Amino acid sequence: MQRQNYTEGSPWEPVIGYARAVKIGNIIEISGTTATVNGEVVGKGDVYAQTKCILQKFENVLKQYGASMNDVVRTRIFCTDITQWEAIGKAHGEFFSEIKPTTGMYQISKLISDDLLVEIEATAILSE
């Protein structure tokens, strides 16, 4: 099976050694994604805005593979304050209320920057 890596040109990709997403066969895995655009954090202090930004980034990544949010079967949500679950869930629901992928939401102690409040990973499967 052919492997297709999708990169955003982030300066961290070659240093850490990762791709934003990888497609092998009909499976697309999207790396942990934060609300960072052009090196700047979007929605500082606003977990809802950060979650929306991340999911919009997912839409763009999936389009590169001819996929859409309808192909997402799982998300994993990591947040620094689980008491904000409703705001995170609201944004997630705006994208997935009809699709209903499996998901998990986990509180972690810290992300790579104090300004980042949430990070999400996703798995999509394309019908063959």
C-alpha atoms as a PDB file:
ATOM      1  CA  MET A   1       0.000   0.000   0.000  1.00  0.00           C
ATOM      2  CA  GLN A   2       1.161   3.469  -0.821  1.00  0.00           C
ATOM      3  CA  ARG A   3       1.803   5.871   2.032  1.00  0.00           C
ATOM      4  CA  GLN A   4       0.868   9.534   1.570  1.00  0.00           C
ATOM      5  CA  ASN A   5       2.120  12.056   4.125  1.00  0.00           C
ATOM      6  CA  TYR A   6       0.445  15.438   4.417  1.00  0.00           C
ATOM      7  CA  THR A   7       2.507  18.218   5.937  1.00  0.00           C
ATOM      8  CA  GLU A   8       1.646  21.831   6.659  1.00  0.00           C
ATOM      9  CA  GLY A   9       5.188  23.111   6.455  1.00  0.00           C
ATOM     10  CA  SER A  10       5.379  23.621  10.203  1.00  0.00           C
ATOM     11  CA  PRO A  11       8.931  24.168  11.437  1.00  0.00           C
ATOM     12  CA  TRP A  12       8.312  21.434  14.029  1.00  0.00           C
ATOM     13  CA  GLU A  13       7.504  18.683  11.511  1.00  0.00           C
ATOM     14  CA  PRO A  14      11.109  17.941  10.471  1.00  0.00           C
ATOM     15  CA  VAL A  15      12.519  18.523  13.969  1.00  0.00           C
ATOM     16  CA  ILE A  16      10.083  16.180  15.711  1.00  0.00           C
ATOM     17  CA  GLY A  17       9.725  13.876  12.712  1.00  0.00           C
ATOM     18  CA  TYR A  18       5.992  13.765  12.072  1.00  0.00           C
ATOM     19  CA  ALA A  19       3.383  14.545   9.432  1.00  0.00           C
ATOM     20  CA  ARG A  20       0.088  16.342  10.069  1.00  0.00           C
ATOM     21  CA  ALA A  21      -1.652  13.319   8.569  1.00  0.00           C
ATOM     22  CA  VAL A  22      -0.823   9.982   6.997  1.00  0.00           C
ATOM     23  CA  LYS A  23      -2.981   8.009   4.568  1.00  0.00           C
ATOM     24  CA  ILE A  24      -2.314   4.338   3.985  1.00  0.00           C
ATOM     25  CA  GLY A  25      -4.896   2.494   1.943  1.00  0.00           C
ATOM     26  CA  ASN A  26      -8.284   3.808   2.983  1.00  0.00           C
ATOM     27  CA  ILE A  27      -7.190   4.910   6.480  1.00  0.00           C
ATOM     28  CA  ILE A  28      -6.254   8.491   7.355  1.00  0.00           C
ATOM     29  CA  GLU A  29      -4.679   9.263  10.723  1.00  0.00           C
ATOM     30  CA  ILE A  30      -4.505  12.922  11.745  1.00  0.00           C
ATOM     31  CA  SER A  31      -1.859  13.861  14.305  1.00  0.00           C
ATOM     32  CA  GLY A  32      -2.585  15.709  17.509  1.00  0.00           C
ATOM     33  CA  THR A  33      -3.645  19.137  16.284  1.00  0.00           C
ATOM     34  CA  THR A  34      -3.836  22.415  18.172  1.00  0.00           C
ATOM     35  CA  ALA A  35      -5.283  25.829  17.361  1.00  0.00           C
ATOM     36  CA  THR A  36      -2.052  27.161  15.909  1.00  0.00           C
ATOM     37  CA  VAL A  37      -2.133  28.964  12.572  1.00  0.00           C
ATOM     38  CA  ASN A  38       1.017  30.463  11.049  1.00  0.00           C
ATOM     39  CA  GLY A  39       2.799  30.036  14.380  1.00  0.00           C
ATOM     40  CA  GLU A  40       0.143  31.948  16.345  1.00  0.00           C
ATOM     41  CA  VAL A  41      -2.354  30.490  18.819  1.00  0.00           C
ATOM     42  CA  VAL A  42      -5.944  31.107  17.755  1.00  0.00           C
ATOM     43  CA  GLY A  43      -8.490  31.803  20.504  1.00  0.00           C
ATOM     44  CA  LYS A  44      -6.170  32.360  23.447  1.00  0.00           C
ATOM     45  CA  GLY A  45      -8.145  31.620  26.598  1.00  0.00           C
ATOM     46  CA  ASP A  46     -11.159  30.332  24.625  1.00  0.00           C
ATOM     47  CA  VAL A  47     -11.410  26.532  24.477  1.00  0.00           C
ATOM     48  CA  TYR A  48     -14.505  26.677  22.234  1.00  0.00           C
ATOM     49  CA  ALA A  49     -12.695  28.824  19.637  1.00  0.00           C
ATOM     50  CA  GLN A  50      -9.632  26.576  19.803  1.00  0.00           C
ATOM     51  CA  THR A  51     -11.725  23.444  19.297  1.00  0.00           C
ATOM     52  CA  LYS A  52     -13.488  24.980  16.273  1.00  0.00           C
ATOM     53  CA  CYS A  53     -10.152  26.018  14.787  1.00  0.00           C
ATOM     54  CA  ILE A  54      -8.777  22.492  15.147  1.00  0.00           C
ATOM     55  CA  LEU A  55     -11.808  20.906  13.530  1.00  0.00           C
ATOM     56  CA  GLN A  56     -11.660  23.396  10.656  1.00  0.00           C
ATOM     57  CA  LYS A  57      -8.039  22.356  10.183  1.00  0.00           C
ATOM     58  CA  PHE A  58      -9.221  18.725  10.038  1.00  0.00           C
ATOM     59  CA  GLU A  59     -11.622  19.634   7.230  1.00  0.00           C
ATOM     60  CA  ASN A  60      -8.735  21.110   5.244  1.00  0.00           C
ATOM     61  CA  VAL A  61      -6.506  18.079   5.819  1.00  0.00           C
ATOM     62  CA  LEU A  62      -9.224  15.645   4.814  1.00  0.00           C
ATOM     63  CA  LYS A  63      -9.920  17.584   1.609  1.00  0.00           C
ATOM     64  CA  GLN A  64      -6.298  16.989   0.591  1.00  0.00           C
ATOM     65  CA  TYR A  65      -7.112  13.278   0.510  1.00  0.00           C
ATOM     66  CA  GLY A  66     -10.508  13.644  -1.173  1.00  0.00           C
ATOM     67  CA  ALA A  67     -12.195  12.935   2.156  1.00  0.00           C
ATOM     68  CA  SER A  68     -14.524  14.854   4.451  1.00  0.00           C
ATOM     69  CA  MET A  69     -15.609  14.978   8.064  1.00  0.00           C
ATOM     70  CA  ASN A  70     -18.186  12.302   7.162  1.00  0.00           C
ATOM     71  CA  ASP A  71     -15.269   9.860   6.937  1.00  0.00           C
ATOM     72  CA  VAL A  72     -14.115  10.479  10.522  1.00  0.00           C
ATOM     73  CA  VAL A  73     -14.746   7.436  12.718  1.00  0.00           C
ATOM     74  CA  ARG A  74     -12.856   8.461  15.864  1.00  0.00           C
ATOM     75  CA  THR A  75     -11.624  11.568  17.633  1.00  0.00           C
ATOM     76  CA  ARG A  76      -9.466  11.817  20.748  1.00  0.00           C
ATOM     77  CA  ILE A  77      -9.694  15.073  22.668  1.00  0.00           C
ATOM     78  CA  PHE A  78      -7.018  16.134  25.147  1.00  0.00           C
ATOM     79  CA  CYS A  79      -7.719  19.206  27.262  1.00  0.00           C
ATOM     80  CA  THR A  80      -6.020  20.963  30.135  1.00  0.00           C
ATOM     81  CA  ASP A  81      -9.269  21.654  32.044  1.00  0.00           C
ATOM     82  CA  ILE A  82     -11.978  18.987  31.890  1.00  0.00           C
ATOM     83  CA  THR A  83     -14.459  21.391  33.503  1.00  0.00           C
ATOM     84  CA  GLN A  84     -14.566  23.052  30.060  1.00  0.00           C
ATOM     85  CA  TRP A  85     -15.977  19.880  28.510  1.00  0.00           C
ATOM     86  CA  GLU A  86     -19.264  21.515  27.541  1.00  0.00           C
ATOM     87  CA  ALA A  87     -17.584  24.218  25.424  1.00  0.00           C
ATOM     88  CA  ILE A  88     -15.359  21.604  23.784  1.00  0.00           C
ATOM     89  CA  GLY A  89     -18.342  19.318  23.254  1.00  0.00           C
ATOM     90  CA  LYS A  90     -20.410  22.128  21.750  1.00  0.00           C
ATOM     91  CA  ALA A  91     -17.789  22.837  19.088  1.00  0.00           C
ATOM     92  CA  HIS A  92     -17.274  19.100  18.448  1.00  0.00           C
ATOM     93  CA  GLY A  93     -21.027  18.658  18.098  1.00  0.00           C
ATOM     94  CA  GLU A  94     -21.261  21.444  15.531  1.00  0.00           C
ATOM     95  CA  PHE A  95     -19.071  19.359  13.238  1.00  0.00           C
ATOM     96  CA  PHE A  96     -20.126  15.845  14.209  1.00  0.00           C
ATOM     97  CA  SER A  97     -23.717  15.882  15.517  1.00  0.00           C
ATOM     98  CA  GLU A  98     -24.947  13.875  12.518  1.00  0.00           C
ATOM     99  CA  ILE A  99     -21.751  11.893  11.887  1.00  0.00           C
ATOM    100  CA  LYS A 100     -21.223  10.712  15.471  1.00  0.00           C
ATOM    101  CA  PRO A 101     -17.675   9.307  15.483  1.00  0.00           C
ATOM    102  CA  THR A 102     -16.477   7.499  18.564  1.00  0.00           C
ATOM    103  CA  THR A 103     -14.549   9.814  20.873  1.00  0.00           C
ATOM    104  CA  GLY A 104     -12.804  10.195  24.171  1.00  0.00           C
ATOM    105  CA  MET A 105     -12.062  13.336  26.147  1.00  0.00           C
ATOM    106  CA  TYR A 106      -9.138  13.334  28.544  1.00  0.00           C
ATOM    107  CA  GLN A 107      -7.700  15.903  30.911  1.00  0.00           C
ATOM    108  CA  ILE A 108      -3.949  16.191  30.716  1.00  0.00           C
ATOM    109  CA  SER A 109      -1.660  18.316  32.848  1.00  0.00           C
ATOM    110  CA  LYS A 110      -0.222  20.471  30.073  1.00  0.00           C
ATOM    111  CA  LEU A 111       0.178  20.963  26.351  1.00  0.00           C
ATOM    112  CA  ILE A 112       3.302  22.275  24.612  1.00  0.00           C
ATOM    113  CA  SER A 113       2.275  25.897  25.303  1.00  0.00           C
ATOM    114  CA  ASP A 114       0.272  27.332  28.188  1.00  0.00           C
ATOM    115  CA  ASP A 115      -1.876  29.169  25.617  1.00  0.00           C
ATOM    116  CA  LEU A 116      -3.052  25.863  24.129  1.00  0.00           C
ATOM    117  CA  LEU A 117      -6.098  24.457  25.895  1.00  0.00           C
ATOM    118  CA  VAL A 118      -7.064  21.524  23.675  1.00  0.00           C
ATOM    119  CA  GLU A 119      -5.465  19.106  21.216  1.00  0.00           C
ATOM    120  CA  ILE A 120      -7.377  16.634  19.062  1.00  0.00           C
ATOM    121  CA  GLU A 121      -6.444  13.569  16.994  1.00  0.00           C
ATOM    122  CA  ALA A 122      -8.666  11.857  14.447  1.00  0.00           C
ATOM    123  CA  THR A 123      -9.011   8.718  12.373  1.00  0.00           C
ATOM    124  CA  ALA A 124     -10.923   8.655   9.105  1.00  0.00           C
ATOM    125  CA  ILE A 125     -11.737   5.668   6.926  1.00  0.00           C
ATOM    126  CA  LEU A 126     -12.632   6.101   3.274  1.00  0.00           C
ATOM    127  CA  SER A 127     -15.020   3.697   1.602  1.00  0.00           C
ATOM    128  CA  GLU A 128     -13.145   1.802  -1.071  1.00  0.00           C
END
